[in-house]
Amino acid sequence: MVWELRHDPDEYISIIAEVFYDPARRKNGVRPASGEPFPQNMKIECARKIRDYPVGTKVKLRVVETTREDSRPFLYSSYKWKHELV
């Protein structure tokens, strides 16, 4: 698997994201909230702690658009970074 996660820190932007139930994976996921610059069908890879919040919880976090080989684009936020409940 090839990762393209080396980005300039200036490429990351702060967005509001929300926890949702992902029926395809049968567990909670995180996606951009309505009105953010990314489509709501784009998934966010982030800290498990965020996915453990109740469905509908909104958080502010820094993300960057990235891809993996043979995968559609997604947003990435390091599990080490702080996030803020909104």
PDB file of N, CA and C in Angstrom:
ATOM      1  N   MET A   1       0.847  -1.184   0.000  1.00  0.00           N
ATOM      2  CA  MET A   1       0.000   0.000   0.000  1.00  0.00           C
ATOM      3  C   MET A   1       0.893   1.247   0.000  1.00  0.00           C
ATOM      4  N   VAL A   2       0.629   2.176  -0.882  1.00  0.00           N
ATOM      5  CA  VAL A   2       1.410   3.399  -0.985  1.00  0.00           C
ATOM      6  C   VAL A   2       0.619   4.555  -0.373  1.00  0.00           C
ATOM      7  N   TRP A   3       1.271   5.297   0.492  1.00  0.00           N
ATOM      8  CA  TRP A   3       0.643   6.450   1.142  1.00  0.00           C
ATOM      9  C   TRP A   3       1.252   7.732   0.593  1.00  0.00           C
ATOM     10  N   GLU A   4       0.428   8.750   0.479  1.00  0.00           N
ATOM     11  CA  GLU A   4       0.904  10.081   0.104  1.00  0.00           C
ATOM     12  C   GLU A   4       0.551  11.046   1.234  1.00  0.00           C
ATOM     13  N   LEU A   5       1.141  10.837   2.414  1.00  0.00           N
ATOM     14  CA  LEU A   5       0.769  11.641   3.572  1.00  0.00           C
ATOM     15  C   LEU A   5       1.781  12.724   3.909  1.00  0.00           C
ATOM     16  N   ARG A   6       2.781  12.881   3.118  1.00  0.00           N
ATOM     17  CA  ARG A   6       3.760  13.923   3.406  1.00  0.00           C
ATOM     18  C   ARG A   6       3.291  15.222   2.766  1.00  0.00           C
ATOM     19  N   HIS A   7       2.742  16.064   3.596  1.00  0.00           N
ATOM     20  CA  HIS A   7       2.204  17.342   3.131  1.00  0.00           C
ATOM     21  C   HIS A   7       2.857  18.472   3.904  1.00  0.00           C
ATOM     22  N   ASP A   8       2.920  19.611   3.271  1.00  0.00           N
ATOM     23  CA  ASP A   8       3.387  20.815   3.922  1.00  0.00           C
ATOM     24  C   ASP A   8       2.363  21.184   4.992  1.00  0.00           C
ATOM     25  N   PRO A   9       2.795  21.579   6.183  1.00  0.00           N
ATOM     26  CA  PRO A   9       1.837  21.962   7.235  1.00  0.00           C
ATOM     27  C   PRO A   9       0.854  23.049   6.803  1.00  0.00           C
ATOM     28  N   ASP A  10       1.236  23.872   5.839  1.00  0.00           N
ATOM     29  CA  ASP A  10       0.343  24.928   5.353  1.00  0.00           C
ATOM     30  C   ASP A  10      -0.818  24.373   4.535  1.00  0.00           C
ATOM     31  N   GLU A  11      -0.738  23.112   4.109  1.00  0.00           N
ATOM     32  CA  GLU A  11      -1.810  22.512   3.323  1.00  0.00           C
ATOM     33  C   GLU A  11      -2.994  22.076   4.199  1.00  0.00           C
ATOM     34  N   TYR A  12      -2.774  21.914   5.492  1.00  0.00           N
ATOM     35  CA  TYR A  12      -3.841  21.487   6.399  1.00  0.00           C
ATOM     36  C   TYR A  12      -4.754  22.666   6.707  1.00  0.00           C
ATOM     37  N   ILE A  13      -6.063  22.382   6.737  1.00  0.00           N
ATOM     38  CA  ILE A  13      -7.014  23.432   7.071  1.00  0.00           C
ATOM     39  C   ILE A  13      -7.923  22.952   8.202  1.00  0.00           C
ATOM     40  N   SER A  14      -8.457  23.880   8.965  1.00  0.00           N
ATOM     41  CA  SER A  14      -9.385  23.544  10.046  1.00  0.00           C
ATOM     42  C   SER A  14     -10.793  23.486   9.491  1.00  0.00           C
ATOM     43  N   ILE A  15     -11.498  22.412   9.831  1.00  0.00           N
ATOM     44  CA  ILE A  15     -12.890  22.272   9.415  1.00  0.00           C
ATOM     45  C   ILE A  15     -13.710  21.748  10.594  1.00  0.00           C
ATOM     46  N   ILE A  16     -15.019  21.842  10.441  1.00  0.00           N
ATOM     47  CA  ILE A  16     -15.937  21.215  11.386  1.00  0.00           C
ATOM     48  C   ILE A  16     -16.327  19.872  10.771  1.00  0.00           C
ATOM     49  N   ALA A  17     -16.196  18.829  11.560  1.00  0.00           N
ATOM     50  CA  ALA A  17     -16.548  17.483  11.111  1.00  0.00           C
ATOM     51  C   ALA A  17     -17.606  16.922  12.055  1.00  0.00           C
ATOM     52  N   GLU A  18     -18.281  15.867  11.609  1.00  0.00           N
ATOM     53  CA  GLU A  18     -19.308  15.259  12.449  1.00  0.00           C
ATOM     54  C   GLU A  18     -19.168  13.745  12.449  1.00  0.00           C
ATOM     55  N   VAL A  19     -19.561  13.163  13.577  1.00  0.00           N
ATOM     56  CA  VAL A  19     -19.576  11.713  13.705  1.00  0.00           C
ATOM     57  C   VAL A  19     -20.889  11.223  13.106  1.00  0.00           C
ATOM     58  N   PHE A  20     -20.808  10.156  12.291  1.00  0.00           N
ATOM     59  CA  PHE A  20     -22.008   9.585  11.690  1.00  0.00           C
ATOM     60  C   PHE A  20     -21.898   8.067  11.716  1.00  0.00           C
ATOM     61  N   TYR A  21     -23.034   7.385  11.588  1.00  0.00           N
ATOM     62  CA  TYR A  21     -23.013   5.932  11.513  1.00  0.00           C
ATOM     63  C   TYR A  21     -22.806   5.536  10.063  1.00  0.00           C
ATOM     64  N   ASP A  22     -21.762   4.769   9.796  1.00  0.00           N
ATOM     65  CA  ASP A  22     -21.420   4.328   8.449  1.00  0.00           C
ATOM     66  C   ASP A  22     -21.949   2.902   8.256  1.00  0.00           C
ATOM     67  N   PRO A  23     -23.086   2.746   7.580  1.00  0.00           N
ATOM     68  CA  PRO A  23     -23.670   1.412   7.429  1.00  0.00           C
ATOM     69  C   PRO A  23     -22.781   0.456   6.621  1.00  0.00           C
ATOM     70  N   ALA A  24     -21.956   0.968   5.738  1.00  0.00           N
ATOM     71  CA  ALA A  24     -21.069   0.111   4.948  1.00  0.00           C
ATOM     72  C   ALA A  24     -20.027  -0.570   5.844  1.00  0.00           C
ATOM     73  N   ARG A  25     -19.580   0.125   6.878  1.00  0.00           N
ATOM     74  CA  ARG A  25     -18.569  -0.434   7.782  1.00  0.00           C
ATOM     75  C   ARG A  25     -19.184  -0.933   9.087  1.00  0.00           C
ATOM     76  N   ARG A  26     -20.477  -0.639   9.290  1.00  0.00           N
ATOM     77  CA  ARG A  26     -21.211  -1.009  10.500  1.00  0.00           C
ATOM     78  C   ARG A  26     -20.588  -0.461  11.774  1.00  0.00           C
ATOM     79  N   LYS A  27     -20.083   0.766  11.670  1.00  0.00           N
ATOM     80  CA  LYS A  27     -19.555   1.465  12.840  1.00  0.00           C
ATOM     81  C   LYS A  27     -19.488   2.961  12.537  1.00  0.00           C
ATOM     82  N   ASN A  28     -19.204   3.743  13.562  1.00  0.00           N
ATOM     83  CA  ASN A  28     -19.140   5.191  13.390  1.00  0.00           C
ATOM     84  C   ASN A  28     -17.956   5.597  12.515  1.00  0.00           C
ATOM     85  N   GLY A  29     -18.172   6.664  11.760  1.00  0.00           N
ATOM     86  CA  GLY A  29     -17.136   7.280  10.958  1.00  0.00           C
ATOM     87  C   GLY A  29     -17.180   8.777  11.191  1.00  0.00           C
ATOM     88  N   VAL A  30     -16.300   9.497  10.526  1.00  0.00           N
ATOM     89  CA  VAL A  30     -16.248  10.957  10.636  1.00  0.00           C
ATOM     90  C   VAL A  30     -16.235  11.525   9.229  1.00  0.00           C
ATOM     91  N   ARG A  31     -17.023  12.570   9.016  1.00  0.00           N
ATOM     92  CA  ARG A  31     -17.115  13.219   7.704  1.00  0.00           C
ATOM     93  C   ARG A  31     -17.207  14.735   7.905  1.00  0.00           C
ATOM     94  N   PRO A  32     -16.948  15.505   6.842  1.00  0.00           N
ATOM     95  CA  PRO A  32     -17.108  16.960   6.952  1.00  0.00           C
ATOM     96  C   PRO A  32     -18.567  17.307   7.234  1.00  0.00           C
ATOM     97  N   ALA A  33     -18.789  18.302   8.067  1.00  0.00           N
ATOM     98  CA  ALA A  33     -20.139  18.777   8.345  1.00  0.00           C
ATOM     99  C   ALA A  33     -20.658  19.549   7.134  1.00  0.00           C
ATOM    100  N   SER A  34     -21.946  19.682   7.059  1.00  0.00           N
ATOM    101  CA  SER A  34     -22.577  20.453   5.987  1.00  0.00           C
ATOM    102  C   SER A  34     -22.027  21.877   5.977  1.00  0.00           C
ATOM    103  N   GLY A  35     -21.754  22.393   4.776  1.00  0.00           N
ATOM    104  CA  GLY A  35     -21.255  23.762   4.643  1.00  0.00           C
ATOM    105  C   GLY A  35     -19.742  23.874   4.647  1.00  0.00           C
ATOM    106  N   GLU A  36     -19.045  22.774   4.848  1.00  0.00           N
ATOM    107  CA  GLU A  36     -17.581  22.799   4.825  1.00  0.00           C
ATOM    108  C   GLU A  36     -17.097  22.673   3.372  1.00  0.00           C
ATOM    109  N   PRO A  37     -15.821  22.977   3.100  1.00  0.00           N
ATOM    110  CA  PRO A  37     -15.344  22.977   1.711  1.00  0.00           C
ATOM    111  C   PRO A  37     -15.158  21.598   1.074  1.00  0.00           C
ATOM    112  N   PHE A  38     -15.464  20.539   1.792  1.00  0.00           N
ATOM    113  CA  PHE A  38     -15.361  19.187   1.243  1.00  0.00           C
ATOM    114  C   PHE A  38     -16.736  18.537   1.254  1.00  0.00           C
ATOM    115  N   PRO A  39     -17.006  17.620   0.310  1.00  0.00           N
ATOM    116  CA  PRO A  39     -18.316  16.966   0.278  1.00  0.00           C
ATOM    117  C   PRO A  39     -18.524  16.051   1.492  1.00  0.00           C
ATOM    118  N   GLN A  40     -19.782  15.909   1.900  1.00  0.00           N
ATOM    119  CA  GLN A  40     -20.090  15.089   3.071  1.00  0.00           C
ATOM    120  C   GLN A  40     -19.871  13.597   2.834  1.00  0.00           C
ATOM    121  N   ASN A  41     -19.738  13.175   1.593  1.00  0.00           N
ATOM    122  CA  ASN A  41     -19.488  11.750   1.354  1.00  0.00           C
ATOM    123  C   ASN A  41     -18.004  11.412   1.436  1.00  0.00           C
ATOM    124  N   MET A  42     -17.172  12.391   1.761  1.00  0.00           N
ATOM    125  CA  MET A  42     -15.740  12.170   1.906  1.00  0.00           C
ATOM    126  C   MET A  42     -15.468  11.756   3.357  1.00  0.00           C
ATOM    127  N   LYS A  43     -14.755  10.673   3.547  1.00  0.00           N
ATOM    128  CA  LYS A  43     -14.461  10.181   4.894  1.00  0.00           C
ATOM    129  C   LYS A  43     -13.214  10.872   5.443  1.00  0.00           C
ATOM    130  N   ILE A  44     -13.138  10.916   6.779  1.00  0.00           N
ATOM    131  CA  ILE A  44     -11.973  11.489   7.451  1.00  0.00           C
ATOM    132  C   ILE A  44     -11.310  10.396   8.274  1.00  0.00           C
ATOM    133  N   GLU A  45     -10.033  10.170   8.029  1.00  0.00           N
ATOM    134  CA  GLU A  45      -9.256   9.257   8.862  1.00  0.00           C
ATOM    135  C   GLU A  45      -8.703  10.087  10.010  1.00  0.00           C
ATOM    136  N   CYS A  46      -9.039   9.690  11.247  1.00  0.00           N
ATOM    137  CA  CYS A  46      -8.657  10.484  12.409  1.00  0.00           C
ATOM    138  C   CYS A  46      -8.581   9.594  13.643  1.00  0.00           C
ATOM    139  N   ALA A  47      -8.415  10.207  14.791  1.00  0.00           N
ATOM    140  CA  ALA A  47      -8.283   9.480  16.056  1.00  0.00           C
ATOM    141  C   ALA A  47      -9.536   8.674  16.371  1.00  0.00           C
ATOM    142  N   ARG A  48      -9.340   7.470  16.868  1.00  0.00           N
ATOM    143  CA  ARG A  48     -10.457   6.609  17.269  1.00  0.00           C
ATOM    144  C   ARG A  48     -11.322   7.301  18.327  1.00  0.00           C
ATOM    145  N   LYS A  49     -10.691   8.099  19.173  1.00  0.00           N
ATOM    146  CA  LYS A  49     -11.425   8.809  20.228  1.00  0.00           C
ATOM    147  C   LYS A  49     -12.565   9.633  19.627  1.00  0.00           C
ATOM    148  N   ILE A  50     -12.327  10.241  18.474  1.00  0.00           N
ATOM    149  CA  ILE A  50     -13.364  11.045  17.823  1.00  0.00           C
ATOM    150  C   ILE A  50     -14.495  10.146  17.347  1.00  0.00           C
ATOM    151  N   ARG A  51     -14.169   9.014  16.742  1.00  0.00           N
ATOM    152  CA  ARG A  51     -15.195   8.088  16.255  1.00  0.00           C
ATOM    153  C   ARG A  51     -16.007   7.483  17.393  1.00  0.00           C
ATOM    154  N   ASP A  52     -15.461   7.485  18.598  1.00  0.00           N
ATOM    155  CA  ASP A  52     -16.171   6.943  19.757  1.00  0.00           C
ATOM    156  C   ASP A  52     -17.200   7.911  20.342  1.00  0.00           C
ATOM    157  N   TYR A  53     -17.188   9.169  19.913  1.00  0.00           N
ATOM    158  CA  TYR A  53     -18.211  10.123  20.372  1.00  0.00           C
ATOM    159  C   TYR A  53     -19.570   9.697  19.814  1.00  0.00           C
ATOM    160  N   PRO A  54     -20.660  10.137  20.448  1.00  0.00           N
ATOM    161  CA  PRO A  54     -21.997   9.797  19.927  1.00  0.00           C
ATOM    162  C   PRO A  54     -22.232  10.369  18.528  1.00  0.00           C
ATOM    163  N   VAL A  55     -23.051   9.669  17.752  1.00  0.00           N
ATOM    164  CA  VAL A  55     -23.429  10.135  16.417  1.00  0.00           C
ATOM    165  C   VAL A  55     -23.993  11.548  16.530  1.00  0.00           C
ATOM    166  N   GLY A  56     -23.580  12.424  15.626  1.00  0.00           N
ATOM    167  CA  GLY A  56     -24.041  13.811  15.626  1.00  0.00           C
ATOM    168  C   GLY A  56     -23.072  14.771  16.298  1.00  0.00           C
ATOM    169  N   THR A  57     -22.099  14.255  17.058  1.00  0.00           N
ATOM    170  CA  THR A  57     -21.110  15.111  17.712  1.00  0.00           C
ATOM    171  C   THR A  57     -20.293  15.828  16.646  1.00  0.00           C
ATOM    172  N   LYS A  58     -20.062  17.123  16.870  1.00  0.00           N
ATOM    173  CA  LYS A  58     -19.257  17.912  15.924  1.00  0.00           C
ATOM    174  C   LYS A  58     -17.943  18.291  16.582  1.00  0.00           C
ATOM    175  N   VAL A  59     -16.884  18.221  15.776  1.00  0.00           N
ATOM    176  CA  VAL A  59     -15.544  18.551  16.248  1.00  0.00           C
ATOM    177  C   VAL A  59     -14.849  19.435  15.222  1.00  0.00           C
ATOM    178  N   LYS A  60     -13.936  20.237  15.720  1.00  0.00           N
ATOM    179  CA  LYS A  60     -13.103  21.057  14.844  1.00  0.00           C
ATOM    180  C   LYS A  60     -11.727  20.390  14.809  1.00  0.00           C
ATOM    181  N   LEU A  61     -11.237  20.107  13.602  1.00  0.00           N
ATOM    182  CA  LEU A  61      -9.931  19.489  13.466  1.00  0.00           C
ATOM    183  C   LEU A  61      -9.262  19.932  12.180  1.00  0.00           C
ATOM    184  N   ARG A  62      -7.950  19.684  12.113  1.00  0.00           N
ATOM    185  CA  ARG A  62      -7.168  20.048  10.926  1.00  0.00           C
ATOM    186  C   ARG A  62      -7.061  18.839  10.027  1.00  0.00           C
ATOM    187  N   VAL A  63      -7.312  19.049   8.731  1.00  0.00           N
ATOM    188  CA  VAL A  63      -7.296  17.957   7.762  1.00  0.00           C
ATOM    189  C   VAL A  63      -6.552  18.368   6.495  1.00  0.00           C
ATOM    190  N   VAL A  64      -6.179  17.347   5.731  1.00  0.00           N
ATOM    191  CA  VAL A  64      -5.613  17.554   4.403  1.00  0.00           C
ATOM    192  C   VAL A  64      -6.182  16.454   3.514  1.00  0.00           C
ATOM    193  N   GLU A  65      -6.457  16.785   2.265  1.00  0.00           N
ATOM    194  CA  GLU A  65      -6.940  15.775   1.318  1.00  0.00           C
ATOM    195  C   GLU A  65      -5.755  14.929   0.870  1.00  0.00           C
ATOM    196  N   THR A  66      -5.954  13.629   0.839  1.00  0.00           N
ATOM    197  CA  THR A  66      -4.891  12.713   0.450  1.00  0.00           C
ATOM    198  C   THR A  66      -5.488  11.489  -0.228  1.00  0.00           C
ATOM    199  N   THR A  67      -4.631  10.608  -0.726  1.00  0.00           N
ATOM    200  CA  THR A  67      -5.088   9.382  -1.370  1.00  0.00           C
ATOM    201  C   THR A  67      -4.153   8.237  -1.018  1.00  0.00           C
ATOM    202  N   ARG A  68      -4.657   7.033  -1.191  1.00  0.00           N
ATOM    203  CA  ARG A  68      -3.857   5.814  -1.138  1.00  0.00           C
ATOM    204  C   ARG A  68      -3.954   5.189  -2.520  1.00  0.00           C
ATOM    205  N   GLU A  69      -2.995   4.396  -2.855  1.00  0.00           N
ATOM    206  CA  GLU A  69      -3.042   3.692  -4.130  1.00  0.00           C
ATOM    207  C   GLU A  69      -4.312   2.849  -4.182  1.00  0.00           C
ATOM    208  N   ASP A  70      -5.016   2.880  -5.295  1.00  0.00           N
ATOM    209  CA  ASP A  70      -6.259   2.121  -5.490  1.00  0.00           C
ATOM    210  C   ASP A  70      -7.365   2.524  -4.517  1.00  0.00           C
ATOM    211  N   SER A  71      -7.426   3.781  -4.150  1.00  0.00           N
ATOM    212  CA  SER A  71      -8.449   4.257  -3.210  1.00  0.00           C
ATOM    213  C   SER A  71      -8.947   5.621  -3.658  1.00  0.00           C
ATOM    214  N   ARG A  72     -10.151   5.941  -3.237  1.00  0.00           N
ATOM    215  CA  ARG A  72     -10.654   7.276  -3.549  1.00  0.00           C
ATOM    216  C   ARG A  72     -10.062   8.276  -2.556  1.00  0.00           C
ATOM    217  N   PRO A  73     -10.048   9.568  -2.899  1.00  0.00           N
ATOM    218  CA  PRO A  73      -9.497  10.582  -1.984  1.00  0.00           C
ATOM    219  C   PRO A  73     -10.248  10.588  -0.653  1.00  0.00           C
ATOM    220  N   PHE A  74      -9.526  10.937   0.397  1.00  0.00           N
ATOM    221  CA  PHE A  74     -10.114  11.055   1.725  1.00  0.00           C
ATOM    222  C   PHE A  74      -9.384  12.165   2.463  1.00  0.00           C
ATOM    223  N   LEU A  75      -9.898  12.527   3.626  1.00  0.00           N
ATOM    224  CA  LEU A  75      -9.263  13.548   4.448  1.00  0.00           C
ATOM    225  C   LEU A  75      -8.509  12.870   5.578  1.00  0.00           C
ATOM    226  N   TYR A  76      -7.366  13.425   5.922  1.00  0.00           N
ATOM    227  CA  TYR A  76      -6.526  12.843   6.961  1.00  0.00           C
ATOM    228  C   TYR A  76      -6.271  13.871   8.054  1.00  0.00           C
ATOM    229  N   SER A  77      -6.401  13.423   9.300  1.00  0.00           N
ATOM    230  CA  SER A  77      -6.047  14.215  10.470  1.00  0.00           C
ATOM    231  C   SER A  77      -5.317  13.278  11.429  1.00  0.00           C
ATOM    232  N   SER A  78      -4.127  13.612  11.841  1.00  0.00           N
ATOM    233  CA  SER A  78      -3.338  12.720  12.683  1.00  0.00           C
ATOM    234  C   SER A  78      -4.041  12.438  14.007  1.00  0.00           C
ATOM    235  N   TYR A  79      -3.957  11.196  14.439  1.00  0.00           N
ATOM    236  CA  TYR A  79      -4.541  10.810  15.721  1.00  0.00           C
ATOM    237  C   TYR A  79      -3.820  11.494  16.883  1.00  0.00           C
ATOM    238  N   LYS A  80      -2.639  12.032  16.643  1.00  0.00           N
ATOM    239  CA  LYS A  80      -1.859  12.698  17.693  1.00  0.00           C
ATOM    240  C   LYS A  80      -2.296  14.142  17.922  1.00  0.00           C
ATOM    241  N   TRP A  81      -3.028  14.704  16.957  1.00  0.00           N
ATOM    242  CA  TRP A  81      -3.383  16.116  17.050  1.00  0.00           C
ATOM    243  C   TRP A  81      -4.601  16.332  17.927  1.00  0.00           C
ATOM    244  N   LYS A  82      -4.641  17.503  18.521  1.00  0.00           N
ATOM    245  CA  LYS A  82      -5.784  17.886  19.343  1.00  0.00           C
ATOM    246  C   LYS A  82      -6.970  18.203  18.449  1.00  0.00           C
ATOM    247  N   HIS A  83      -8.157  17.999  19.006  1.00  0.00           N
ATOM    248  CA  HIS A  83      -9.393  18.399  18.336  1.00  0.00           C
ATOM    249  C   HIS A  83     -10.247  19.120  19.375  1.00  0.00           C
ATOM    250  N   GLU A  84     -11.242  19.833  18.901  1.00  0.00           N
ATOM    251  CA  GLU A  84     -12.083  20.640  19.789  1.00  0.00           C
ATOM    252  C   GLU A  84     -13.531  20.287  19.558  1.00  0.00           C
ATOM    253  N   LEU A  85     -14.262  19.980  20.615  1.00  0.00           N
ATOM    254  CA  LEU A  85     -15.703  19.747  20.490  1.00  0.00           C
ATOM    255  C   LEU A  85     -16.391  21.062  20.177  1.00  0.00           C
ATOM    256  N   VAL A  86     -17.345  21.031  19.276  1.00  0.00           N
ATOM    257  CA  VAL A  86     -18.051  22.252  18.870  1.00  0.00           C
ATOM    258  C   VAL A  86     -19.467  22.191  19.400  1.00  0.00           C
TER     259      VAL A  86
END
